[in-house]
Amino acid sequence: MKLLKSAVVAISLAFSLGSFSTAVVACEDGRTCFGPAEAINITVGHVALAIKAADDKSGKQEVLAHIKAAKDASKEINANDVVDRKRQRAVAHLKKAKKALKSNDFQSAEDHLGAAEKGFAELKSFL
């Protein structure tokens, strides 16, 4: 009887674990839904929008919002250690641009955003 009970519990546990996909669960929080190449494209797009907004001097808050979106999108880039180190260097330029914007230095912010865009674009060669 003990053996039968253990077998039933083990079988029901195996069926319940196999009944749903872990890939579906991984996308619930909105992360790991993109491949590294697509995440790089999204991040470069947000940085380009931040550069355009900084060129237009349309508003510090708009540029900061694009920088935040780029930083959030960059978290999706997960390929290997080399890519991660290069990604962190590009994110450092985003942080410097944010700091420059807070002191109303739009030119320095544009320079750092350009360096960040170049850094993120180079990540494709390391995939």
N, C-alpha and C. Protein backbone atom coordinates (compact mmCIF):
# COMPACT_ATOMS: atom_id res chain seq x y z
N MET A 1 0.82 -1.19 0.00
CA MET A 1 0.00 0.00 0.00
C MET A 1 0.87 1.27 0.00
N LYS A 2 1.96 1.25 0.83
CA LYS A 2 2.85 2.40 0.85
C LYS A 2 3.50 2.62 -0.51
N LEU A 3 3.89 1.55 -1.15
CA LEU A 3 4.53 1.63 -2.46
C LEU A 3 3.56 2.20 -3.49
N LEU A 4 2.32 1.75 -3.44
CA LEU A 4 1.30 2.24 -4.37
C LEU A 4 1.04 3.73 -4.15
N LYS A 5 0.97 4.15 -2.89
CA LYS A 5 0.72 5.56 -2.57
C LYS A 5 1.89 6.42 -3.06
N SER A 6 3.12 5.97 -2.85
CA SER A 6 4.29 6.71 -3.30
C SER A 6 4.33 6.81 -4.82
N ALA A 7 3.97 5.75 -5.49
CA ALA A 7 3.96 5.75 -6.95
C ALA A 7 2.92 6.72 -7.49
N VAL A 8 1.75 6.76 -6.90
CA VAL A 8 0.68 7.67 -7.34
C VAL A 8 1.12 9.12 -7.14
N VAL A 9 1.72 9.41 -6.00
CA VAL A 9 2.18 10.78 -5.73
C VAL A 9 3.27 11.18 -6.73
N ALA A 10 4.21 10.28 -6.99
CA ALA A 10 5.29 10.58 -7.92
C ALA A 10 4.76 10.80 -9.33
N ILE A 11 3.84 9.99 -9.76
CA ILE A 11 3.27 10.13 -11.12
C ILE A 11 2.47 11.42 -11.23
N SER A 12 1.67 11.73 -10.22
CA SER A 12 0.88 12.97 -10.30
C SER A 12 1.79 14.20 -10.27
N LEU A 13 2.87 14.14 -9.52
CA LEU A 13 3.82 15.24 -9.49
C LEU A 13 4.50 15.42 -10.85
N ALA A 14 4.87 14.31 -11.47
CA ALA A 14 5.51 14.38 -12.80
C ALA A 14 4.56 14.95 -13.83
N PHE A 15 3.30 14.55 -13.81
CA PHE A 15 2.33 15.08 -14.76
C PHE A 15 2.06 16.56 -14.52
N SER A 16 1.99 16.96 -13.26
CA SER A 16 1.69 18.36 -12.99
C SER A 16 2.86 19.26 -13.39
N LEU A 17 4.10 18.80 -13.21
CA LEU A 17 5.25 19.61 -13.61
C LEU A 17 5.39 19.68 -15.13
N GLY A 18 5.00 18.64 -15.81
CA GLY A 18 5.12 18.63 -17.27
C GLY A 18 3.93 19.23 -17.98
N SER A 19 2.93 19.68 -17.25
CA SER A 19 1.71 20.16 -17.89
C SER A 19 1.81 21.60 -18.37
N PHE A 20 2.80 22.35 -17.93
CA PHE A 20 2.96 23.72 -18.41
C PHE A 20 4.40 23.97 -18.81
N SER A 21 4.57 24.91 -19.69
CA SER A 21 5.89 25.21 -20.24
C SER A 21 6.62 26.22 -19.38
N THR A 22 7.90 26.00 -19.16
CA THR A 22 8.67 26.98 -18.40
C THR A 22 8.93 28.23 -19.21
N ALA A 23 8.88 28.15 -20.53
CA ALA A 23 9.08 29.34 -21.36
C ALA A 23 7.93 30.31 -21.18
N VAL A 24 6.75 29.81 -20.98
CA VAL A 24 5.60 30.68 -20.75
C VAL A 24 5.74 31.36 -19.40
N VAL A 25 6.20 30.65 -18.41
CA VAL A 25 6.36 31.22 -17.09
C VAL A 25 7.47 32.26 -17.09
N ALA A 26 8.49 32.06 -17.90
CA ALA A 26 9.62 32.99 -17.93
C ALA A 26 9.21 34.36 -18.45
N CYS A 27 8.17 34.46 -19.24
CA CYS A 27 7.76 35.74 -19.81
C CYS A 27 6.73 36.47 -18.98
N GLU A 28 6.31 35.92 -17.86
CA GLU A 28 5.27 36.58 -17.07
C GLU A 28 5.69 37.96 -16.60
N ASP A 29 6.94 38.12 -16.17
CA ASP A 29 7.37 39.40 -15.66
C ASP A 29 7.87 40.34 -16.75
N GLY A 30 7.76 39.95 -18.00
CA GLY A 30 8.16 40.81 -19.10
C GLY A 30 9.62 40.73 -19.45
N ARG A 31 10.36 39.85 -18.82
CA ARG A 31 11.79 39.73 -19.10
C ARG A 31 12.06 38.41 -19.80
N THR A 32 13.20 38.30 -20.39
CA THR A 32 13.68 37.14 -21.13
C THR A 32 12.72 36.71 -22.23
N CYS A 33 12.00 37.64 -22.78
CA CYS A 33 11.07 37.34 -23.87
C CYS A 33 11.72 37.58 -25.23
N PHE A 34 12.85 38.25 -25.26
CA PHE A 34 13.52 38.58 -26.50
C PHE A 34 14.87 37.88 -26.56
N GLY A 35 15.32 37.64 -27.77
CA GLY A 35 16.67 37.15 -27.95
C GLY A 35 17.64 38.29 -27.79
N PRO A 36 18.93 38.00 -27.63
CA PRO A 36 19.90 39.08 -27.44
C PRO A 36 19.96 40.07 -28.60
N ALA A 37 19.88 39.59 -29.82
CA ALA A 37 19.96 40.50 -30.98
C ALA A 37 18.77 41.45 -31.01
N GLU A 38 17.59 40.93 -30.72
CA GLU A 38 16.39 41.78 -30.72
C GLU A 38 16.45 42.78 -29.56
N ALA A 39 16.95 42.35 -28.41
CA ALA A 39 17.08 43.25 -27.27
C ALA A 39 18.08 44.37 -27.56
N ILE A 40 19.13 44.06 -28.29
CA ILE A 40 20.11 45.09 -28.67
C ILE A 40 19.45 46.11 -29.58
N ASN A 41 18.65 45.63 -30.55
CA ASN A 41 17.96 46.55 -31.46
C ASN A 41 17.00 47.46 -30.71
N ILE A 42 16.29 46.92 -29.74
CA ILE A 42 15.34 47.72 -28.95
C ILE A 42 16.10 48.77 -28.14
N THR A 43 17.22 48.37 -27.54
CA THR A 43 18.00 49.30 -26.73
C THR A 43 18.58 50.42 -27.59
N VAL A 44 19.13 50.06 -28.75
CA VAL A 44 19.68 51.07 -29.66
C VAL A 44 18.58 52.04 -30.11
N GLY A 45 17.39 51.52 -30.32
CA GLY A 45 16.27 52.38 -30.69
C GLY A 45 15.92 53.39 -29.61
N HIS A 46 15.92 52.95 -28.35
CA HIS A 46 15.64 53.88 -27.25
C HIS A 46 16.74 54.93 -27.10
N VAL A 47 17.99 54.52 -27.30
CA VAL A 47 19.09 55.48 -27.21
C VAL A 47 19.00 56.49 -28.34
N ALA A 48 18.63 56.02 -29.53
CA ALA A 48 18.47 56.94 -30.67
C ALA A 48 17.36 57.95 -30.40
N LEU A 49 16.28 57.49 -29.79
CA LEU A 49 15.20 58.42 -29.44
C LEU A 49 15.66 59.43 -28.39
N ALA A 50 16.49 58.98 -27.46
CA ALA A 50 17.02 59.89 -26.44
C ALA A 50 17.93 60.94 -27.08
N ILE A 51 18.75 60.51 -28.05
CA ILE A 51 19.63 61.46 -28.74
C ILE A 51 18.80 62.49 -29.51
N LYS A 52 17.76 62.01 -30.18
CA LYS A 52 16.90 62.93 -30.94
C LYS A 52 16.21 63.92 -30.02
N ALA A 53 15.73 63.44 -28.87
CA ALA A 53 15.07 64.34 -27.92
C ALA A 53 16.07 65.34 -27.33
N ALA A 54 17.31 64.90 -27.11
CA ALA A 54 18.32 65.82 -26.58
C ALA A 54 18.72 66.85 -27.64
N ASP A 55 18.77 66.44 -28.91
CA ASP A 55 19.08 67.39 -29.99
C ASP A 55 18.01 68.47 -30.08
N ASP A 56 16.76 68.05 -29.96
CA ASP A 56 15.65 68.99 -30.05
C ASP A 56 15.50 69.83 -28.79
N LYS A 57 16.21 69.42 -27.73
CA LYS A 57 16.07 70.05 -26.42
C LYS A 57 14.59 70.11 -26.04
N SER A 58 13.91 68.99 -26.31
CA SER A 58 12.46 68.93 -26.09
C SER A 58 12.09 68.83 -24.62
N GLY A 59 13.02 68.53 -23.80
CA GLY A 59 12.72 68.46 -22.37
C GLY A 59 13.58 67.41 -21.69
N LYS A 60 14.04 67.80 -20.53
CA LYS A 60 14.92 66.91 -19.79
C LYS A 60 14.18 65.63 -19.38
N GLN A 61 12.92 65.75 -19.02
CA GLN A 61 12.17 64.58 -18.56
C GLN A 61 11.96 63.56 -19.67
N GLU A 62 11.77 64.04 -20.88
CA GLU A 62 11.59 63.12 -22.02
C GLU A 62 12.87 62.35 -22.30
N VAL A 63 14.01 63.03 -22.26
CA VAL A 63 15.29 62.37 -22.49
C VAL A 63 15.57 61.36 -21.38
N LEU A 64 15.29 61.75 -20.14
CA LEU A 64 15.49 60.83 -19.02
C LEU A 64 14.59 59.60 -19.13
N ALA A 65 13.39 59.79 -19.64
CA ALA A 65 12.48 58.65 -19.82
C ALA A 65 13.03 57.68 -20.86
N HIS A 66 13.61 58.22 -21.94
CA HIS A 66 14.20 57.35 -22.97
C HIS A 66 15.45 56.64 -22.44
N ILE A 67 16.22 57.33 -21.61
CA ILE A 67 17.40 56.69 -21.02
C ILE A 67 16.98 55.56 -20.10
N LYS A 68 15.94 55.78 -19.32
CA LYS A 68 15.46 54.73 -18.42
C LYS A 68 14.95 53.53 -19.23
N ALA A 69 14.23 53.80 -20.31
CA ALA A 69 13.74 52.72 -21.16
C ALA A 69 14.90 51.94 -21.78
N ALA A 70 15.96 52.65 -22.16
CA ALA A 70 17.13 51.98 -22.74
C ALA A 70 17.83 51.12 -21.69
N LYS A 71 17.95 51.63 -20.47
CA LYS A 71 18.58 50.84 -19.41
C LYS A 71 17.75 49.60 -19.09
N ASP A 72 16.44 49.74 -19.08
CA ASP A 72 15.57 48.59 -18.82
C ASP A 72 15.67 47.57 -19.94
N ALA A 73 15.70 48.04 -21.17
CA ALA A 73 15.80 47.13 -22.31
C ALA A 73 17.16 46.45 -22.36
N SER A 74 18.19 47.12 -21.87
CA SER A 74 19.52 46.52 -21.91
C SER A 74 19.64 45.33 -20.96
N LYS A 75 18.78 45.26 -19.98
CA LYS A 75 18.80 44.12 -19.06
C LYS A 75 18.41 42.82 -19.74
N GLU A 76 17.76 42.93 -20.89
CA GLU A 76 17.35 41.75 -21.65
C GLU A 76 18.52 41.14 -22.43
N ILE A 77 19.60 41.88 -22.58
CA ILE A 77 20.75 41.40 -23.36
C ILE A 77 21.56 40.45 -22.48
N ASN A 78 21.40 39.17 -22.73
CA ASN A 78 22.12 38.18 -21.93
C ASN A 78 22.60 37.06 -22.84
N ALA A 79 23.84 37.17 -23.29
CA ALA A 79 24.38 36.16 -24.19
C ALA A 79 25.57 35.44 -23.56
N ASN A 80 26.61 36.19 -23.18
CA ASN A 80 27.78 35.58 -22.54
C ASN A 80 28.50 36.64 -21.72
N ASP A 81 29.62 36.27 -21.12
CA ASP A 81 30.33 37.18 -20.23
C ASP A 81 30.92 38.38 -20.96
N VAL A 82 31.43 38.16 -22.16
CA VAL A 82 32.02 39.26 -22.93
C VAL A 82 30.95 40.29 -23.27
N VAL A 83 29.81 39.82 -23.71
CA VAL A 83 28.70 40.72 -24.05
C VAL A 83 28.24 41.48 -22.82
N ASP A 84 28.21 40.80 -21.67
CA ASP A 84 27.76 41.45 -20.45
C ASP A 84 28.72 42.55 -20.02
N ARG A 85 30.02 42.32 -20.14
CA ARG A 85 30.98 43.36 -19.79
C ARG A 85 30.85 44.57 -20.72
N LYS A 86 30.71 44.31 -22.00
CA LYS A 86 30.55 45.41 -22.97
C LYS A 86 29.23 46.15 -22.72
N ARG A 87 28.19 45.41 -22.36
CA ARG A 87 26.89 46.02 -22.06
C ARG A 87 27.01 46.94 -20.85
N GLN A 88 27.74 46.51 -19.84
CA GLN A 88 27.91 47.34 -18.64
C GLN A 88 28.66 48.62 -18.95
N ARG A 89 29.62 48.55 -19.87
CA ARG A 89 30.34 49.77 -20.28
C ARG A 89 29.41 50.74 -20.99
N ALA A 90 28.53 50.20 -21.83
CA ALA A 90 27.59 51.07 -22.54
C ALA A 90 26.57 51.67 -21.57
N VAL A 91 26.15 50.88 -20.59
CA VAL A 91 25.21 51.38 -19.58
C VAL A 91 25.87 52.48 -18.75
N ALA A 92 27.18 52.39 -18.54
CA ALA A 92 27.89 53.44 -17.80
C ALA A 92 27.78 54.77 -18.54
N HIS A 93 27.80 54.74 -19.87
CA HIS A 93 27.63 55.98 -20.64
C HIS A 93 26.21 56.52 -20.46
N LEU A 94 25.24 55.64 -20.36
CA LEU A 94 23.87 56.10 -20.11
C LEU A 94 23.78 56.79 -18.75
N LYS A 95 24.46 56.24 -17.75
CA LYS A 95 24.45 56.85 -16.42
C LYS A 95 25.12 58.21 -16.45
N LYS A 96 26.22 58.33 -17.20
CA LYS A 96 26.92 59.62 -17.31
C LYS A 96 26.04 60.64 -18.04
N ALA A 97 25.31 60.18 -19.05
CA ALA A 97 24.40 61.08 -19.76
C ALA A 97 23.29 61.57 -18.83
N LYS A 98 22.79 60.67 -18.01
CA LYS A 98 21.74 61.05 -17.05
C LYS A 98 22.27 62.08 -16.06
N LYS A 99 23.49 61.88 -15.60
CA LYS A 99 24.11 62.83 -14.67
C LYS A 99 24.31 64.19 -15.33
N ALA A 100 24.74 64.18 -16.59
CA ALA A 100 24.94 65.44 -17.32
C ALA A 100 23.61 66.17 -17.53
N LEU A 101 22.55 65.41 -17.80
CA LEU A 101 21.24 66.04 -17.99
C LEU A 101 20.75 66.70 -16.71
N LYS A 102 21.03 66.07 -15.60
CA LYS A 102 20.57 66.65 -14.33
C LYS A 102 21.25 67.98 -14.03
N SER A 103 22.44 68.18 -14.62
CA SER A 103 23.11 69.47 -14.47
C SER A 103 22.89 70.36 -15.70
N ASN A 104 21.91 70.01 -16.52
CA ASN A 104 21.50 70.78 -17.71
C ASN A 104 22.61 70.92 -18.75
N ASP A 105 23.48 69.93 -18.85
CA ASP A 105 24.55 69.94 -19.86
C ASP A 105 24.13 69.01 -21.00
N PHE A 106 23.35 69.55 -21.94
CA PHE A 106 22.80 68.73 -23.03
C PHE A 106 23.88 68.24 -23.98
N GLN A 107 24.92 69.05 -24.22
CA GLN A 107 25.97 68.66 -25.16
C GLN A 107 26.74 67.44 -24.64
N SER A 108 27.11 67.46 -23.38
CA SER A 108 27.82 66.32 -22.79
C SER A 108 26.92 65.09 -22.77
N ALA A 109 25.65 65.30 -22.51
CA ALA A 109 24.70 64.18 -22.50
C ALA A 109 24.60 63.55 -23.89
N GLU A 110 24.58 64.40 -24.93
CA GLU A 110 24.52 63.88 -26.30
C GLU A 110 25.78 63.08 -26.64
N ASP A 111 26.93 63.56 -26.16
CA ASP A 111 28.19 62.84 -26.41
C ASP A 111 28.15 61.46 -25.76
N HIS A 112 27.70 61.41 -24.52
CA HIS A 112 27.63 60.12 -23.82
C HIS A 112 26.58 59.21 -24.43
N LEU A 113 25.47 59.78 -24.88
CA LEU A 113 24.45 58.97 -25.53
C LEU A 113 24.97 58.40 -26.85
N GLY A 114 25.76 59.19 -27.58
CA GLY A 114 26.36 58.70 -28.81
C GLY A 114 27.32 57.54 -28.54
N ALA A 115 28.11 57.67 -27.46
CA ALA A 115 29.03 56.59 -27.09
C ALA A 115 28.26 55.35 -26.67
N ALA A 116 27.15 55.55 -25.97
CA ALA A 116 26.32 54.41 -25.54
C ALA A 116 25.71 53.71 -26.76
N GLU A 117 25.22 54.51 -27.72
CA GLU A 117 24.64 53.92 -28.92
C GLU A 117 25.68 53.10 -29.68
N LYS A 118 26.88 53.65 -29.79
CA LYS A 118 27.96 52.93 -30.47
C LYS A 118 28.31 51.64 -29.71
N GLY A 119 28.35 51.73 -28.39
CA GLY A 119 28.67 50.55 -27.57
C GLY A 119 27.63 49.46 -27.70
N PHE A 120 26.36 49.84 -27.70
CA PHE A 120 25.30 48.84 -27.84
C PHE A 120 25.29 48.25 -29.25
N ALA A 121 25.56 49.07 -30.26
CA ALA A 121 25.57 48.58 -31.63
C ALA A 121 26.72 47.58 -31.84
N GLU A 122 27.84 47.80 -31.16
CA GLU A 122 28.98 46.88 -31.29
C GLU A 122 28.72 45.53 -30.64
N LEU A 123 27.74 45.45 -29.77
CA LEU A 123 27.45 44.19 -29.08
C LEU A 123 27.06 43.09 -30.06
N LYS A 124 26.48 43.47 -31.18
CA LYS A 124 26.04 42.46 -32.16
C LYS A 124 27.22 41.63 -32.68
N SER A 125 28.40 42.24 -32.73
CA SER A 125 29.56 41.50 -33.24
C SER A 125 30.07 40.47 -32.24
N PHE A 126 29.65 40.56 -30.99
CA PHE A 126 30.12 39.62 -29.98
C PHE A 126 29.12 38.49 -29.72
N LEU A 127 28.01 38.47 -30.42
CA LEU A 127 27.02 37.39 -30.24
C LEU A 127 27.45 36.11 -30.90
